[in-house]
Amino acid sequence: DLDLGVVRDELERVVGVLNRLGYEVTDARYPDVTLQLTHVVEGHRVDLHPSTAVDGGTEQVDFDGDVRVIPPAVEGWIGGVKVRCMPVEAQRRARQGYVLRAQDHHDLRLLDALEQD
């Protein structure tokens, strides 16, 4: 899956764009924390995480309702395209407060590998 931080005020517009690309909302249980969309044909998943810009980064709500500040983005790559990414420590923290799924354990192993480089 692909996790995207989305400016809270733009969330509806981003969902509309993804709908036009073949994605449907498949999990909206925690709309302040994350909104999950899945491609109806290919099964790819996108998790949108609403955020608000603040001094020193962005604010996002945790599953326990706490607000956390994510440090400024770092440089990363997806398919040869430069993208803005959450720092590794913030990505780890984002995987707390819920029962980890197989893909979360997979992501954590990838984060471990990044820290060893």
Protein backbone atom coordinates (compact mmCIF):
# COMPACT_ATOMS: atom_id res chain seq x y z
CA ASP A 1 0.00 0.00 0.00
CA LEU A 2 0.94 3.63 -0.37
CA ASP A 3 0.46 6.02 2.54
CA LEU A 4 -0.06 9.66 1.60
CA GLY A 5 -0.24 12.67 3.87
CA VAL A 6 -2.99 14.94 2.58
CA VAL A 7 -3.78 18.48 3.65
CA ARG A 8 -7.00 18.11 5.62
CA ASP A 9 -8.85 20.76 3.57
CA GLU A 10 -7.94 18.90 0.33
CA LEU A 11 -9.00 15.42 1.44
CA GLU A 12 -12.34 15.41 -0.39
CA ARG A 13 -10.69 16.62 -3.62
CA VAL A 14 -7.98 13.93 -3.39
CA VAL A 15 -10.60 11.23 -2.82
CA GLY A 16 -12.42 12.51 -5.93
CA VAL A 17 -9.26 12.25 -8.03
CA LEU A 18 -8.61 8.72 -6.78
CA ASN A 19 -12.26 7.76 -7.47
CA ARG A 20 -11.81 8.86 -11.09
CA LEU A 21 -8.69 6.66 -11.25
CA GLY A 22 -10.67 3.59 -10.16
CA TYR A 23 -10.24 3.68 -6.37
CA GLU A 24 -13.11 3.29 -3.91
CA VAL A 25 -13.17 4.03 -0.19
CA THR A 26 -12.89 0.67 1.57
CA ASP A 27 -12.30 1.76 5.17
CA ALA A 28 -13.53 5.02 6.65
CA ARG A 29 -13.73 3.95 10.32
CA TYR A 30 -11.14 6.51 11.46
CA PRO A 31 -11.62 9.54 9.18
CA ASP A 32 -9.53 11.86 11.37
CA VAL A 33 -6.60 9.40 11.21
CA THR A 34 -6.76 7.58 7.89
CA LEU A 35 -9.02 6.87 4.95
CA GLN A 36 -8.32 3.69 2.96
CA LEU A 37 -9.05 3.37 -0.75
CA THR A 38 -8.60 0.27 -2.91
CA HIS A 39 -8.41 0.05 -6.71
CA VAL A 40 -11.49 -1.85 -7.87
CA VAL A 41 -9.63 -3.85 -10.55
CA GLU A 42 -5.99 -4.14 -9.49
CA GLY A 43 -6.49 -4.20 -5.72
CA HIS A 44 -3.79 -1.59 -5.01
CA ARG A 45 -4.42 0.27 -1.77
CA VAL A 46 -3.86 3.91 -0.86
CA ASP A 47 -4.13 5.16 2.73
CA LEU A 48 -4.75 8.89 3.05
CA HIS A 49 -3.67 10.55 6.29
CA PRO A 50 -5.25 13.99 6.86
CA SER A 51 -2.77 16.55 8.15
CA THR A 52 -2.48 20.21 9.01
CA ALA A 53 0.63 22.31 8.33
CA VAL A 54 2.25 23.77 11.45
CA ASP A 55 5.60 25.33 12.27
CA GLY A 56 8.19 22.57 12.17
CA GLY A 57 6.19 20.06 10.12
CA THR A 58 2.62 18.81 9.99
CA GLU A 59 0.13 17.64 12.60
CA GLN A 60 -1.67 14.33 12.35
CA VAL A 61 -4.08 12.61 14.74
CA ASP A 62 -3.11 9.21 16.19
CA PHE A 63 -5.55 6.32 16.67
CA ASP A 64 -5.70 7.21 20.38
CA GLY A 65 -6.81 10.77 19.51
CA ASP A 66 -3.49 12.42 20.36
CA VAL A 67 -2.14 14.99 17.94
CA ARG A 68 1.48 14.48 16.90
CA VAL A 69 3.81 16.67 14.91
CA ILE A 70 5.61 15.00 12.03
CA PRO A 71 8.99 16.57 11.24
CA PRO A 72 9.53 18.11 7.81
CA ALA A 73 9.64 15.71 4.88
CA VAL A 74 12.81 14.05 3.64
CA GLU A 75 13.72 13.03 0.09
CA GLY A 76 12.75 9.60 -1.17
CA TRP A 77 12.16 7.81 -4.46
CA ILE A 78 9.26 5.85 -5.94
CA GLY A 79 9.88 4.26 -9.32
CA GLY A 80 12.68 6.69 -10.11
CA VAL A 81 10.61 9.75 -9.19
CA LYS A 82 11.73 11.96 -6.31
CA VAL A 83 9.03 12.31 -3.63
CA ARG A 84 8.69 13.88 -0.19
CA CYS A 85 8.60 11.25 2.59
CA MET A 86 8.04 11.12 6.30
CA PRO A 87 11.30 10.58 8.19
CA VAL A 88 11.88 6.94 9.23
CA GLU A 89 11.24 7.64 12.92
CA ALA A 90 7.85 9.20 12.09
CA GLN A 91 6.96 6.23 9.88
CA ARG A 92 7.70 3.87 12.77
CA ARG A 93 5.57 5.92 15.14
CA ALA A 94 2.70 5.81 12.61
CA ARG A 95 2.60 2.03 13.09
CA GLN A 96 1.65 2.25 16.76
CA GLY A 97 -1.74 2.17 18.41
CA TYR A 98 -3.29 -0.65 16.41
CA VAL A 99 -2.76 -4.35 15.76
CA LEU A 100 -0.07 -4.63 13.11
CA ARG A 101 -0.99 -6.38 9.88
CA ALA A 102 1.36 -8.44 7.70
CA GLN A 103 2.02 -5.41 5.49
CA ASP A 104 2.92 -3.32 8.55
CA HIS A 105 5.52 -5.89 9.60
CA HIS A 106 6.81 -5.86 6.01
CA ASP A 107 7.08 -2.05 6.11
CA LEU A 108 8.94 -2.17 9.41
CA ARG A 109 11.48 -4.61 7.95
CA LEU A 110 12.03 -2.19 5.05
CA LEU A 111 12.53 0.66 7.51
CA ASP A 112 15.07 -1.48 9.40
CA ALA A 113 16.96 -1.98 6.12
CA LEU A 114 16.96 1.77 5.44
CA GLU A 115 18.47 2.49 8.84
CA GLN A 116 21.27 -0.04 8.17
CA ASP A 117 22.29 1.67 4.92
